[in-house]
Amino acid sequence: MDFSAGSPTFVEKMSNPAFMSVCFEGEGDDWDAYLTNDAEGKYFSSRYIVDCEPDIEYFDTIEEACDHLSAYIGKPINASWQALNEAADEWNDEHPDSDWSINVKQIEVISDDEMCSLTD
């Protein structure tokens, strides 16, 4: 870093949002929200989670998530969030005695301001 006369100081550079930003993805077993602030998907590209025994898989697109679950349950699924949820719910209803269920989650993109308001 250049700290010569007339150049921005480290503190000035750090306070410029264009200089440094922090990307995150947050999730938890007991959360109803799966969040990221990486709108461009540069560091956290996944937007969908399909949890079906034995693995939890992460997908960048709804098409990938639907294809995965479709192969797992052996039925076609239209590439939409609603169809993915309905397919998971239908499988769970048809297998009430199973020790596990299929869970699907969508990772929501939120702003840094929205994240700060969640911690207030």
PDB file of N, CA and C in Angstrom:
ATOM      1  N   MET A   1       0.841  -1.176   0.000  1.00  0.00           N
ATOM      2  CA  MET A   1       0.000   0.000   0.000  1.00  0.00           C
ATOM      3  C   MET A   1       0.884   1.236   0.000  1.00  0.00           C
ATOM      4  N   ASP A   2       0.440   2.199  -0.722  1.00  0.00           N
ATOM      5  CA  ASP A   2       1.190   3.445  -0.832  1.00  0.00           C
ATOM      6  C   ASP A   2       0.695   4.416   0.234  1.00  0.00           C
ATOM      7  N   PHE A   3       1.586   4.763   1.181  1.00  0.00           N
ATOM      8  CA  PHE A   3       1.234   5.719   2.225  1.00  0.00           C
ATOM      9  C   PHE A   3       2.015   7.019   2.055  1.00  0.00           C
ATOM     10  N   SER A   4       2.435   7.329   0.814  1.00  0.00           N
ATOM     11  CA  SER A   4       3.179   8.563   0.570  1.00  0.00           C
ATOM     12  C   SER A   4       2.244   9.764   0.678  1.00  0.00           C
ATOM     13  N   ALA A   5       2.845  10.935   0.738  1.00  0.00           N
ATOM     14  CA  ALA A   5       2.058  12.172   0.884  1.00  0.00           C
ATOM     15  C   ALA A   5       1.017  12.274  -0.218  1.00  0.00           C
ATOM     16  N   GLY A   6      -0.177  12.613   0.159  1.00  0.00           N
ATOM     17  CA  GLY A   6      -1.252  12.795  -0.803  1.00  0.00           C
ATOM     18  C   GLY A   6      -2.025  11.525  -1.134  1.00  0.00           C
ATOM     19  N   SER A   7      -1.534  10.352  -0.721  1.00  0.00           N
ATOM     20  CA  SER A   7      -2.271   9.117  -1.000  1.00  0.00           C
ATOM     21  C   SER A   7      -3.231   8.817   0.153  1.00  0.00           C
ATOM     22  N   PRO A   8      -4.322   8.113  -0.125  1.00  0.00           N
ATOM     23  CA  PRO A   8      -5.273   7.792   0.947  1.00  0.00           C
ATOM     24  C   PRO A   8      -4.619   6.937   2.025  1.00  0.00           C
ATOM     25  N   THR A   9      -4.988   7.182   3.244  1.00  0.00           N
ATOM     26  CA  THR A   9      -4.470   6.370   4.339  1.00  0.00           C
ATOM     27  C   THR A   9      -5.184   5.029   4.349  1.00  0.00           C
ATOM     28  N   PHE A  10      -4.651   4.111   5.094  1.00  0.00           N
ATOM     29  CA  PHE A  10      -5.265   2.791   5.232  1.00  0.00           C
ATOM     30  C   PHE A  10      -6.693   2.920   5.756  1.00  0.00           C
ATOM     31  N   VAL A  11      -6.895   3.769   6.756  1.00  0.00           N
ATOM     32  CA  VAL A  11      -8.232   3.959   7.333  1.00  0.00           C
ATOM     33  C   VAL A  11      -9.190   4.520   6.292  1.00  0.00           C
ATOM     34  N   GLU A  12      -8.728   5.472   5.498  1.00  0.00           N
ATOM     35  CA  GLU A  12      -9.582   6.032   4.441  1.00  0.00           C
ATOM     36  C   GLU A  12      -9.955   4.960   3.421  1.00  0.00           C
ATOM     37  N   LYS A  13      -8.994   4.133   3.049  1.00  0.00           N
ATOM     38  CA  LYS A  13      -9.277   3.061   2.099  1.00  0.00           C
ATOM     39  C   LYS A  13     -10.255   2.048   2.690  1.00  0.00           C
ATOM     40  N   MET A  14     -10.061   1.691   3.938  1.00  0.00           N
ATOM     41  CA  MET A  14     -10.919   0.703   4.581  1.00  0.00           C
ATOM     42  C   MET A  14     -12.340   1.217   4.746  1.00  0.00           C
ATOM     43  N   SER A  15     -12.518   2.512   4.890  1.00  0.00           N
ATOM     44  CA  SER A  15     -13.858   3.057   5.082  1.00  0.00           C
ATOM     45  C   SER A  15     -14.607   3.203   3.757  1.00  0.00           C
ATOM     46  N   ASN A  16     -13.932   2.992   2.650  1.00  0.00           N
ATOM     47  CA  ASN A  16     -14.559   3.053   1.332  1.00  0.00           C
ATOM     48  C   ASN A  16     -15.155   1.687   1.023  1.00  0.00           C
ATOM     49  N   PRO A  17     -16.493   1.587   0.857  1.00  0.00           N
ATOM     50  CA  PRO A  17     -17.123   0.289   0.603  1.00  0.00           C
ATOM     51  C   PRO A  17     -16.616  -0.393  -0.661  1.00  0.00           C
ATOM     52  N   ALA A  18     -16.087   0.393  -1.613  1.00  0.00           N
ATOM     53  CA  ALA A  18     -15.556  -0.207  -2.829  1.00  0.00           C
ATOM     54  C   ALA A  18     -14.218  -0.904  -2.570  1.00  0.00           C
ATOM     55  N   PHE A  19     -13.555  -0.552  -1.488  1.00  0.00           N
ATOM     56  CA  PHE A  19     -12.248  -1.139  -1.177  1.00  0.00           C
ATOM     57  C   PHE A  19     -12.379  -2.539  -0.597  1.00  0.00           C
ATOM     58  N   MET A  20     -13.311  -2.715   0.306  1.00  0.00           N
ATOM     59  CA  MET A  20     -13.431  -4.005   0.980  1.00  0.00           C
ATOM     60  C   MET A  20     -14.894  -4.296   1.286  1.00  0.00           C
ATOM     61  N   SER A  21     -15.300  -5.505   1.006  1.00  0.00           N
ATOM     62  CA  SER A  21     -16.634  -5.934   1.396  1.00  0.00           C
ATOM     63  C   SER A  21     -16.534  -7.362   1.909  1.00  0.00           C
ATOM     64  N   VAL A  22     -17.488  -7.737   2.701  1.00  0.00           N
ATOM     65  CA  VAL A  22     -17.509  -9.075   3.281  1.00  0.00           C
ATOM     66  C   VAL A  22     -18.741  -9.792   2.751  1.00  0.00           C
ATOM     67  N   CYS A  23     -18.523 -10.963   2.176  1.00  0.00           N
ATOM     68  CA  CYS A  23     -19.638 -11.779   1.709  1.00  0.00           C
ATOM     69  C   CYS A  23     -19.850 -12.910   2.699  1.00  0.00           C
ATOM     70  N   PHE A  24     -21.102 -13.255   2.918  1.00  0.00           N
ATOM     71  CA  PHE A  24     -21.413 -14.334   3.848  1.00  0.00           C
ATOM     72  C   PHE A  24     -22.545 -15.183   3.308  1.00  0.00           C
ATOM     73  N   GLU A  25     -22.629 -16.367   3.853  1.00  0.00           N
ATOM     74  CA  GLU A  25     -23.790 -17.218   3.678  1.00  0.00           C
ATOM     75  C   GLU A  25     -24.065 -17.794   5.052  1.00  0.00           C
ATOM     76  N   GLY A  26     -25.303 -17.732   5.486  1.00  0.00           N
ATOM     77  CA  GLY A  26     -25.651 -18.203   6.817  1.00  0.00           C
ATOM     78  C   GLY A  26     -26.792 -19.189   6.777  1.00  0.00           C
ATOM     79  N   GLU A  27     -26.644 -20.257   7.549  1.00  0.00           N
ATOM     80  CA  GLU A  27     -27.701 -21.250   7.664  1.00  0.00           C
ATOM     81  C   GLU A  27     -27.529 -21.975   8.992  1.00  0.00           C
ATOM     82  N   GLY A  28     -28.568 -22.641   9.398  1.00  0.00           N
ATOM     83  CA  GLY A  28     -28.502 -23.411  10.630  1.00  0.00           C
ATOM     84  C   GLY A  28     -29.634 -24.414  10.690  1.00  0.00           C
ATOM     85  N   ASP A  29     -29.447 -25.485  11.417  1.00  0.00           N
ATOM     86  CA  ASP A  29     -30.438 -26.550  11.481  1.00  0.00           C
ATOM     87  C   ASP A  29     -31.788 -26.063  11.986  1.00  0.00           C
ATOM     88  N   ASP A  30     -31.802 -25.130  12.907  1.00  0.00           N
ATOM     89  CA  ASP A  30     -33.061 -24.666  13.480  1.00  0.00           C
ATOM     90  C   ASP A  30     -33.537 -23.349  12.874  1.00  0.00           C
ATOM     91  N   TRP A  31     -32.900 -22.877  11.843  1.00  0.00           N
ATOM     92  CA  TRP A  31     -33.276 -21.608  11.233  1.00  0.00           C
ATOM     93  C   TRP A  31     -34.365 -21.827  10.205  1.00  0.00           C
ATOM     94  N   ASP A  32     -35.204 -20.830  10.058  1.00  0.00           N
ATOM     95  CA  ASP A  32     -36.158 -20.821   8.962  1.00  0.00           C
ATOM     96  C   ASP A  32     -35.592 -20.039   7.791  1.00  0.00           C
ATOM     97  N   ALA A  33     -34.472 -19.360   7.995  1.00  0.00           N
ATOM     98  CA  ALA A  33     -33.886 -18.516   6.957  1.00  0.00           C
ATOM     99  C   ALA A  33     -32.499 -19.025   6.572  1.00  0.00           C
ATOM    100  N   TYR A  34     -32.266 -19.053   5.287  1.00  0.00           N
ATOM    101  CA  TYR A  34     -30.957 -19.357   4.731  1.00  0.00           C
ATOM    102  C   TYR A  34     -30.596 -18.127   3.910  1.00  0.00           C
ATOM    103  N   LEU A  35     -29.502 -17.459   4.264  1.00  0.00           N
ATOM    104  CA  LEU A  35     -29.236 -16.117   3.762  1.00  0.00           C
ATOM    105  C   LEU A  35     -27.835 -15.972   3.185  1.00  0.00           C
ATOM    106  N   THR A  36     -27.709 -15.037   2.246  1.00  0.00           N
ATOM    107  CA  THR A  36     -26.415 -14.593   1.751  1.00  0.00           C
ATOM    108  C   THR A  36     -26.542 -13.135   1.321  1.00  0.00           C
ATOM    109  N   ASN A  37     -25.429 -12.436   1.332  1.00  0.00           N
ATOM    110  CA  ASN A  37     -25.414 -11.079   0.771  1.00  0.00           C
ATOM    111  C   ASN A  37     -24.647 -11.048  -0.544  1.00  0.00           C
ATOM    112  N   ASP A  38     -24.259 -12.207  -1.049  1.00  0.00           N
ATOM    113  CA  ASP A  38     -23.496 -12.321  -2.285  1.00  0.00           C
ATOM    114  C   ASP A  38     -24.450 -12.404  -3.480  1.00  0.00           C
ATOM    115  N   ALA A  39     -25.028 -11.262  -3.843  1.00  0.00           N
ATOM    116  CA  ALA A  39     -26.038 -11.215  -4.908  1.00  0.00           C
ATOM    117  C   ALA A  39     -25.481 -11.682  -6.255  1.00  0.00           C
ATOM    118  N   GLU A  40     -24.205 -11.424  -6.498  1.00  0.00           N
ATOM    119  CA  GLU A  40     -23.589 -11.820  -7.769  1.00  0.00           C
ATOM    120  C   GLU A  40     -23.236 -13.301  -7.801  1.00  0.00           C
ATOM    121  N   GLY A  41     -23.211 -13.954  -6.641  1.00  0.00           N
ATOM    122  CA  GLY A  41     -22.829 -15.357  -6.590  1.00  0.00           C
ATOM    123  C   GLY A  41     -21.352 -15.591  -6.824  1.00  0.00           C
ATOM    124  N   LYS A  42     -20.547 -14.564  -6.560  1.00  0.00           N
ATOM    125  CA  LYS A  42     -19.102 -14.660  -6.807  1.00  0.00           C
ATOM    126  C   LYS A  42     -18.438 -15.636  -5.832  1.00  0.00           C
ATOM    127  N   TYR A  43     -18.830 -15.611  -4.571  1.00  0.00           N
ATOM    128  CA  TYR A  43     -18.223 -16.470  -3.552  1.00  0.00           C
ATOM    129  C   TYR A  43     -19.184 -17.548  -3.068  1.00  0.00           C
ATOM    130  N   PHE A  44     -20.470 -17.237  -3.023  1.00  0.00           N
ATOM    131  CA  PHE A  44     -21.497 -18.176  -2.582  1.00  0.00           C
ATOM    132  C   PHE A  44     -22.555 -18.245  -3.675  1.00  0.00           C
ATOM    133  N   SER A  45     -22.373 -19.132  -4.617  1.00  0.00           N
ATOM    134  CA  SER A  45     -23.253 -19.185  -5.784  1.00  0.00           C
ATOM    135  C   SER A  45     -24.512 -20.014  -5.550  1.00  0.00           C
ATOM    136  N   SER A  46     -24.508 -20.874  -4.566  1.00  0.00           N
ATOM    137  CA  SER A  46     -25.665 -21.740  -4.331  1.00  0.00           C
ATOM    138  C   SER A  46     -26.874 -20.933  -3.890  1.00  0.00           C
ATOM    139  N   ARG A  47     -28.031 -21.303  -4.440  1.00  0.00           N
ATOM    140  CA  ARG A  47     -29.286 -20.633  -4.090  1.00  0.00           C
ATOM    141  C   ARG A  47     -30.350 -21.618  -3.608  1.00  0.00           C
ATOM    142  N   TYR A  48     -30.070 -22.932  -3.758  1.00  0.00           N
ATOM    143  CA  TYR A  48     -31.046 -23.951  -3.372  1.00  0.00           C
ATOM    144  C   TYR A  48     -30.340 -25.100  -2.664  1.00  0.00           C
ATOM    145  N   ILE A  49     -31.039 -25.676  -1.689  1.00  0.00           N
ATOM    146  CA  ILE A  49     -30.520 -26.812  -0.938  1.00  0.00           C
ATOM    147  C   ILE A  49     -31.558 -27.925  -1.013  1.00  0.00           C
ATOM    148  N   VAL A  50     -31.098 -29.131  -1.358  1.00  0.00           N
ATOM    149  CA  VAL A  50     -31.961 -30.308  -1.344  1.00  0.00           C
ATOM    150  C   VAL A  50     -31.344 -31.292  -0.359  1.00  0.00           C
ATOM    151  N   ASP A  51     -32.079 -31.550   0.698  1.00  0.00           N
ATOM    152  CA  ASP A  51     -31.629 -32.450   1.765  1.00  0.00           C
ATOM    153  C   ASP A  51     -32.442 -33.727   1.677  1.00  0.00           C
ATOM    154  N   CYS A  52     -31.824 -34.757   1.119  1.00  0.00           N
ATOM    155  CA  CYS A  52     -32.472 -36.064   1.056  1.00  0.00           C
ATOM    156  C   CYS A  52     -31.409 -37.126   1.331  1.00  0.00           C
ATOM    157  N   GLU A  53     -31.770 -38.050   2.167  1.00  0.00           N
ATOM    158  CA  GLU A  53     -30.860 -39.089   2.639  1.00  0.00           C
ATOM    159  C   GLU A  53     -30.080 -39.690   1.481  1.00  0.00           C
ATOM    160  N   PRO A  54     -28.802 -39.810   1.524  1.00  0.00           N
ATOM    161  CA  PRO A  54     -27.922 -39.575   2.668  1.00  0.00           C
ATOM    162  C   PRO A  54     -27.193 -38.233   2.628  1.00  0.00           C
ATOM    163  N   ASP A  55     -27.471 -37.388   1.645  1.00  0.00           N
ATOM    164  CA  ASP A  55     -26.664 -36.185   1.461  1.00  0.00           C
ATOM    165  C   ASP A  55     -27.492 -34.904   1.444  1.00  0.00           C
ATOM    166  N   ILE A  56     -26.822 -33.824   1.722  1.00  0.00           N
ATOM    167  CA  ILE A  56     -27.360 -32.484   1.521  1.00  0.00           C
ATOM    168  C   ILE A  56     -26.603 -31.913   0.329  1.00  0.00           C
ATOM    169  N   GLU A  57     -27.339 -31.526  -0.698  1.00  0.00           N
ATOM    170  CA  GLU A  57     -26.718 -31.015  -1.916  1.00  0.00           C
ATOM    171  C   GLU A  57     -27.081 -29.544  -2.102  1.00  0.00           C
ATOM    172  N   TYR A  58     -26.135 -28.774  -2.620  1.00  0.00           N
ATOM    173  CA  TYR A  58     -26.310 -27.349  -2.882  1.00  0.00           C
ATOM    174  C   TYR A  58     -26.298 -27.115  -4.386  1.00  0.00           C
ATOM    175  N   PHE A  59     -27.201 -26.242  -4.860  1.00  0.00           N
ATOM    176  CA  PHE A  59     -27.333 -26.000  -6.297  1.00  0.00           C
ATOM    177  C   PHE A  59     -27.407 -24.511  -6.586  1.00  0.00           C
ATOM    178  N   ASP A  60     -26.845 -24.128  -7.728  1.00  0.00           N
ATOM    179  CA  ASP A  60     -26.856 -22.731  -8.145  1.00  0.00           C
ATOM    180  C   ASP A  60     -28.184 -22.334  -8.785  1.00  0.00           C
ATOM    181  N   THR A  61     -28.856 -23.283  -9.437  1.00  0.00           N
ATOM    182  CA  THR A  61     -30.080 -22.960 -10.168  1.00  0.00           C
ATOM    183  C   THR A  61     -31.232 -23.865  -9.730  1.00  0.00           C
ATOM    184  N   ILE A  62     -32.448 -23.393  -9.951  1.00  0.00           N
ATOM    185  CA  ILE A  62     -33.638 -24.190  -9.645  1.00  0.00           C
ATOM    186  C   ILE A  62     -33.685 -25.416 -10.553  1.00  0.00           C
ATOM    187  N   GLU A  63     -33.203 -25.277 -11.780  1.00  0.00           N
ATOM    188  CA  GLU A  63     -33.190 -26.419 -12.702  1.00  0.00           C
ATOM    189  C   GLU A  63     -32.326 -27.550 -12.160  1.00  0.00           C
ATOM    190  N   GLU A  64     -31.146 -27.212 -11.643  1.00  0.00           N
ATOM    191  CA  GLU A  64     -30.263 -28.241 -11.076  1.00  0.00           C
ATOM    192  C   GLU A  64     -30.906 -28.916  -9.869  1.00  0.00           C
ATOM    193  N   ALA A  65     -31.527 -28.129  -9.005  1.00  0.00           N
ATOM    194  CA  ALA A  65     -32.173 -28.679  -7.808  1.00  0.00           C
ATOM    195  C   ALA A  65     -33.320 -29.605  -8.191  1.00  0.00           C
ATOM    196  N   CYS A  66     -34.136 -29.182  -9.148  1.00  0.00           N
ATOM    197  CA  CYS A  66     -35.271 -30.007  -9.584  1.00  0.00           C
ATOM    198  C   CYS A  66     -34.788 -31.278 -10.272  1.00  0.00           C
ATOM    199  N   ASP A  67     -33.759 -31.191 -11.089  1.00  0.00           N
ATOM    200  CA  ASP A  67     -33.205 -32.384 -11.745  1.00  0.00           C
ATOM    201  C   ASP A  67     -32.705 -33.390 -10.714  1.00  0.00           C
ATOM    202  N   HIS A  68     -32.032 -32.889  -9.691  1.00  0.00           N
ATOM    203  CA  HIS A  68     -31.502 -33.770  -8.642  1.00  0.00           C
ATOM    204  C   HIS A  68     -32.633 -34.488  -7.909  1.00  0.00           C
ATOM    205  N   LEU A  69     -33.628 -33.730  -7.459  1.00  0.00           N
ATOM    206  CA  LEU A  69     -34.725 -34.352  -6.723  1.00  0.00           C
ATOM    207  C   LEU A  69     -35.539 -35.263  -7.633  1.00  0.00           C
ATOM    208  N   SER A  70     -35.716 -34.880  -8.878  1.00  0.00           N
ATOM    209  CA  SER A  70     -36.436 -35.711  -9.838  1.00  0.00           C
ATOM    210  C   SER A  70     -35.762 -37.076  -9.994  1.00  0.00           C
ATOM    211  N   ALA A  71     -34.451 -37.084 -10.123  1.00  0.00           N
ATOM    212  CA  ALA A  71     -33.716 -38.350 -10.234  1.00  0.00           C
ATOM    213  C   ALA A  71     -33.844 -39.166  -8.958  1.00  0.00           C
ATOM    214  N   TYR A  72     -33.879 -38.490  -7.831  1.00  0.00           N
ATOM    215  CA  TYR A  72     -33.953 -39.176  -6.538  1.00  0.00           C
ATOM    216  C   TYR A  72     -35.311 -39.844  -6.333  1.00  0.00           C
ATOM    217  N   ILE A  73     -36.404 -39.129  -6.663  1.00  0.00           N
ATOM    218  CA  ILE A  73     -37.744 -39.674  -6.405  1.00  0.00           C
ATOM    219  C   ILE A  73     -38.313 -40.423  -7.605  1.00  0.00           C
ATOM    220  N   GLY A  74     -37.654 -40.302  -8.756  1.00  0.00           N
ATOM    221  CA  GLY A  74     -38.100 -41.028  -9.939  1.00  0.00           C
ATOM    222  C   GLY A  74     -39.315 -40.433 -10.617  1.00  0.00           C
ATOM    223  N   LYS A  75     -39.537 -39.141 -10.451  1.00  0.00           N
ATOM    224  CA  LYS A  75     -40.659 -38.449 -11.094  1.00  0.00           C
ATOM    225  C   LYS A  75     -40.164 -37.124 -11.646  1.00  0.00           C
ATOM    226  N   PRO A  76     -40.699 -36.701 -12.796  1.00  0.00           N
ATOM    227  CA  PRO A  76     -40.286 -35.399 -13.341  1.00  0.00           C
ATOM    228  C   PRO A  76     -40.809 -34.249 -12.478  1.00  0.00           C
ATOM    229  N   ILE A  77     -40.014 -33.190 -12.412  1.00  0.00           N
ATOM    230  CA  ILE A  77     -40.386 -31.990 -11.661  1.00  0.00           C
ATOM    231  C   ILE A  77     -40.148 -30.786 -12.561  1.00  0.00           C
ATOM    232  N   ASN A  78     -41.172 -29.951 -12.728  1.00  0.00           N
ATOM    233  CA  ASN A  78     -40.989 -28.706 -13.472  1.00  0.00           C
ATOM    234  C   ASN A  78     -39.999 -27.824 -12.722  1.00  0.00           C
ATOM    235  N   ALA A  79     -39.234 -27.048 -13.445  1.00  0.00           N
ATOM    236  CA  ALA A  79     -38.186 -26.219 -12.850  1.00  0.00           C
ATOM    237  C   ALA A  79     -38.779 -24.953 -12.235  1.00  0.00           C
ATOM    238  N   SER A  80     -39.367 -25.115 -11.041  1.00  0.00           N
ATOM    239  CA  SER A  80     -39.864 -23.954 -10.299  1.00  0.00           C
ATOM    240  C   SER A  80     -39.755 -24.258  -8.807  1.00  0.00           C
ATOM    241  N   TRP A  81     -39.669 -23.202  -8.022  1.00  0.00           N
ATOM    242  CA  TRP A  81     -39.579 -23.344  -6.572  1.00  0.00           C
ATOM    243  C   TRP A  81     -40.829 -24.039  -6.023  1.00  0.00           C
ATOM    244  N   GLN A  82     -41.991 -23.667  -6.542  1.00  0.00           N
ATOM    245  CA  GLN A  82     -43.243 -24.273  -6.088  1.00  0.00           C
ATOM    246  C   GLN A  82     -43.268 -25.770  -6.407  1.00  0.00           C
ATOM    247  N   ALA A  83     -42.874 -26.149  -7.610  1.00  0.00           N
ATOM    248  CA  ALA A  83     -42.876 -27.567  -8.000  1.00  0.00           C
ATOM    249  C   ALA A  83     -41.880 -28.367  -7.164  1.00  0.00           C
ATOM    250  N   LEU A  84     -40.749 -27.778  -6.847  1.00  0.00           N
ATOM    251  CA  LEU A  84     -39.753 -28.464  -6.016  1.00  0.00           C
ATOM    252  C   LEU A  84     -40.320 -28.738  -4.625  1.00  0.00           C
ATOM    253  N   ASN A  85     -40.962 -27.729  -4.034  1.00  0.00           N
ATOM    254  CA  ASN A  85     -41.588 -27.893  -2.719  1.00  0.00           C
ATOM    255  C   ASN A  85     -42.689 -28.945  -2.746  1.00  0.00           C
ATOM    256  N   GLU A  86     -43.531 -28.875  -3.779  1.00  0.00           N
ATOM    257  CA  GLU A  86     -44.639 -29.823  -3.891  1.00  0.00           C
ATOM    258  C   GLU A  86     -44.134 -31.253  -4.032  1.00  0.00           C
ATOM    259  N   ALA A  87     -43.075 -31.462  -4.811  1.00  0.00           N
ATOM    260  CA  ALA A  87     -42.514 -32.804  -4.984  1.00  0.00           C
ATOM    261  C   ALA A  87     -41.957 -33.334  -3.666  1.00  0.00           C
ATOM    262  N   ALA A  88     -41.275 -32.480  -2.915  1.00  0.00           N
ATOM    263  CA  ALA A  88     -40.745 -32.900  -1.611  1.00  0.00           C
ATOM    264  C   ALA A  88     -41.888 -33.231  -0.653  1.00  0.00           C
ATOM    265  N   ASP A  89     -42.898 -32.368  -0.598  1.00  0.00           N
ATOM    266  CA  ASP A  89     -44.047 -32.609   0.286  1.00  0.00           C
ATOM    267  C   ASP A  89     -44.782 -33.896  -0.089  1.00  0.00           C
ATOM    268  N   GLU A  90     -44.955 -34.110  -1.393  1.00  0.00           N
ATOM    269  CA  GLU A  90     -45.650 -35.319  -1.858  1.00  0.00           C
ATOM    270  C   GLU A  90     -44.883 -36.572  -1.457  1.00  0.00           C
ATOM    271  N   TRP A  91     -43.564 -36.550  -1.649  1.00  0.00           N
ATOM    272  CA  TRP A  91     -42.755 -37.710  -1.262  1.00  0.00           C
ATOM    273  C   TRP A  91     -42.865 -37.942   0.243  1.00  0.00           C
ATOM    274  N   ASN A  92     -42.781 -36.884   1.020  1.00  0.00           N
ATOM    275  CA  ASN A  92     -42.878 -37.012   2.480  1.00  0.00           C
ATOM    276  C   ASN A  92     -44.238 -37.577   2.892  1.00  0.00           C
ATOM    277  N   ASP A  93     -45.315 -37.135   2.234  1.00  0.00           N
ATOM    278  CA  ASP A  93     -46.662 -37.648   2.535  1.00  0.00           C
ATOM    279  C   ASP A  93     -46.800 -39.121   2.170  1.00  0.00           C
ATOM    280  N   GLU A  94     -46.148 -39.536   1.078  1.00  0.00           N
ATOM    281  CA  GLU A  94     -46.224 -40.923   0.620  1.00  0.00           C
ATOM    282  C   GLU A  94     -45.337 -41.860   1.432  1.00  0.00           C
ATOM    283  N   HIS A  95     -44.446 -41.321   2.234  1.00  0.00           N
ATOM    284  CA  HIS A  95     -43.509 -42.130   3.028  1.00  0.00           C
ATOM    285  C   HIS A  95     -43.558 -41.710   4.504  1.00  0.00           C
ATOM    286  N   PRO A  96     -44.730 -41.795   5.134  1.00  0.00           N
ATOM    287  CA  PRO A  96     -44.862 -41.308   6.510  1.00  0.00           C
ATOM    288  C   PRO A  96     -44.065 -42.123   7.539  1.00  0.00           C
ATOM    289  N   ASP A  97     -43.728 -43.355   7.202  1.00  0.00           N
ATOM    290  CA  ASP A  97     -43.008 -44.212   8.151  1.00  0.00           C
ATOM    291  C   ASP A  97     -41.495 -44.133   7.993  1.00  0.00           C
ATOM    292  N   SER A  98     -41.047 -43.297   7.082  1.00  0.00           N
ATOM    293  CA  SER A  98     -39.609 -43.150   6.868  1.00  0.00           C
ATOM    294  C   SER A  98     -38.963 -42.474   8.076  1.00  0.00           C
ATOM    295  N   ASP A  99     -37.715 -42.814   8.318  1.00  0.00           N
ATOM    296  CA  ASP A  99     -36.959 -42.196   9.425  1.00  0.00           C
ATOM    297  C   ASP A  99     -36.485 -40.790   9.091  1.00  0.00           C
ATOM    298  N   TRP A 100     -36.671 -40.351   7.882  1.00  0.00           N
ATOM    299  CA  TRP A 100     -36.205 -39.038   7.449  1.00  0.00           C
ATOM    300  C   TRP A 100     -37.174 -38.484   6.420  1.00  0.00           C
ATOM    301  N   SER A 101     -37.009 -37.231   6.106  1.00  0.00           N
ATOM    302  CA  SER A 101     -37.860 -36.592   5.098  1.00  0.00           C
ATOM    303  C   SER A 101     -36.996 -35.759   4.160  1.00  0.00           C
ATOM    304  N   ILE A 102     -37.573 -35.423   3.029  1.00  0.00           N
ATOM    305  CA  ILE A 102     -36.885 -34.550   2.077  1.00  0.00           C
ATOM    306  C   ILE A 102     -37.178 -33.107   2.471  1.00  0.00           C
ATOM    307  N   ASN A 103     -36.130 -32.309   2.565  1.00  0.00           N
ATOM    308  CA  ASN A 103     -36.267 -30.889   2.871  1.00  0.00           C
ATOM    309  C   ASN A 103     -35.611 -30.087   1.758  1.00  0.00           C
ATOM    310  N   VAL A 104     -36.281 -29.047   1.323  1.00  0.00           N
ATOM    311  CA  VAL A 104     -35.707 -28.147   0.323  1.00  0.00           C
ATOM    312  C   VAL A 104     -35.697 -26.741   0.907  1.00  0.00           C
ATOM    313  N   LYS A 105     -34.656 -26.010   0.613  1.00  0.00           N
ATOM    314  CA  LYS A 105     -34.498 -24.646   1.131  1.00  0.00           C
ATOM    315  C   LYS A 105     -34.041 -23.740   0.002  1.00  0.00           C
ATOM    316  N   GLN A 106     -34.448 -22.499   0.071  1.00  0.00           N
ATOM    317  CA  GLN A 106     -33.989 -21.487  -0.870  1.00  0.00           C
ATOM    318  C   GLN A 106     -33.122 -20.496  -0.103  1.00  0.00           C
ATOM    319  N   ILE A 107     -31.943 -20.211  -0.625  1.00  0.00           N
ATOM    320  CA  ILE A 107     -31.034 -19.261   0.006  1.00  0.00           C
ATOM    321  C   ILE A 107     -31.390 -17.874  -0.508  1.00  0.00           C
ATOM    322  N   GLU A 108     -31.857 -17.039   0.402  1.00  0.00           N
ATOM    323  CA  GLU A 108     -32.333 -15.693   0.052  1.00  0.00           C
ATOM    324  C   GLU A 108     -31.167 -14.709   0.029  1.00  0.00           C
ATOM    325  N   VAL A 109     -31.135 -13.879  -0.982  1.00  0.00           N
ATOM    326  CA  VAL A 109     -30.132 -12.818  -1.073  1.00  0.00           C
ATOM    327  C   VAL A 109     -30.685 -11.595  -0.343  1.00  0.00           C
ATOM    328  N   ILE A 110     -29.909 -11.106   0.630  1.00  0.00           N
ATOM    329  CA  ILE A 110     -30.308  -9.918   1.381  1.00  0.00           C
ATOM    330  C   ILE A 110     -29.181  -8.894   1.348  1.00  0.00           C
ATOM    331  N   SER A 111     -29.526  -7.657   1.633  1.00  0.00           N
ATOM    332  CA  SER A 111     -28.527  -6.585   1.669  1.00  0.00           C
ATOM    333  C   SER A 111     -27.828  -6.583   3.031  1.00  0.00           C
ATOM    334  N   ASP A 112     -26.707  -5.880   3.091  1.00  0.00           N
ATOM    335  CA  ASP A 112     -26.001  -5.742   4.370  1.00  0.00           C
ATOM    336  C   ASP A 112     -26.877  -5.029   5.388  1.00  0.00           C
ATOM    337  N   ASP A 113     -27.654  -4.037   4.941  1.00  0.00           N
ATOM    338  CA  ASP A 113     -28.555  -3.322   5.854  1.00  0.00           C
ATOM    339  C   ASP A 113     -29.610  -4.263   6.427  1.00  0.00           C
ATOM    340  N   GLU A 114     -30.143  -5.137   5.591  1.00  0.00           N
ATOM    341  CA  GLU A 114     -31.141  -6.112   6.075  1.00  0.00           C
ATOM    342  C   GLU A 114     -30.507  -7.052   7.100  1.00  0.00           C
ATOM    343  N   MET A 115     -29.258  -7.449   6.864  1.00  0.00           N
ATOM    344  CA  MET A 115     -28.582  -8.330   7.812  1.00  0.00           C
ATOM    345  C   MET A 115     -28.396  -7.633   9.150  1.00  0.00           C
ATOM    346  N   CYS A 116     -28.009  -6.383   9.110  1.00  0.00           N
ATOM    347  CA  CYS A 116     -27.822  -5.625  10.357  1.00  0.00           C
ATOM    348  C   CYS A 116     -29.129  -5.510  11.127  1.00  0.00           C
ATOM    349  N   SER A 117     -30.241  -5.360  10.415  1.00  0.00           N
ATOM    350  CA  SER A 117     -31.533  -5.243  11.107  1.00  0.00           C
ATOM    351  C   SER A 117     -31.955  -6.555  11.752  1.00  0.00           C
ATOM    352  N   LEU A 118     -31.442  -7.695  11.266  1.00  0.00           N
ATOM    353  CA  LEU A 118     -31.765  -8.986  11.857  1.00  0.00           C
ATOM    354  C   LEU A 118     -31.100  -9.171  13.215  1.00  0.00           C
ATOM    355  N   THR A 119     -29.998  -8.453  13.442  1.00  0.00           N
ATOM    356  CA  THR A 119     -29.255  -8.608  14.692  1.00  0.00           C
ATOM    357  C   THR A 119     -29.668  -7.610  15.746  1.00  0.00           C
ATOM    358  N   ASP A 120     -30.546  -6.674  15.398  1.00  0.00           N
ATOM    359  CA  ASP A 120     -30.992  -5.657  16.382  1.00  0.00           C
ATOM    360  C   ASP A 120     -31.902  -6.260  17.417  1.00  0.00           C
TER     361      ASP A 120
END
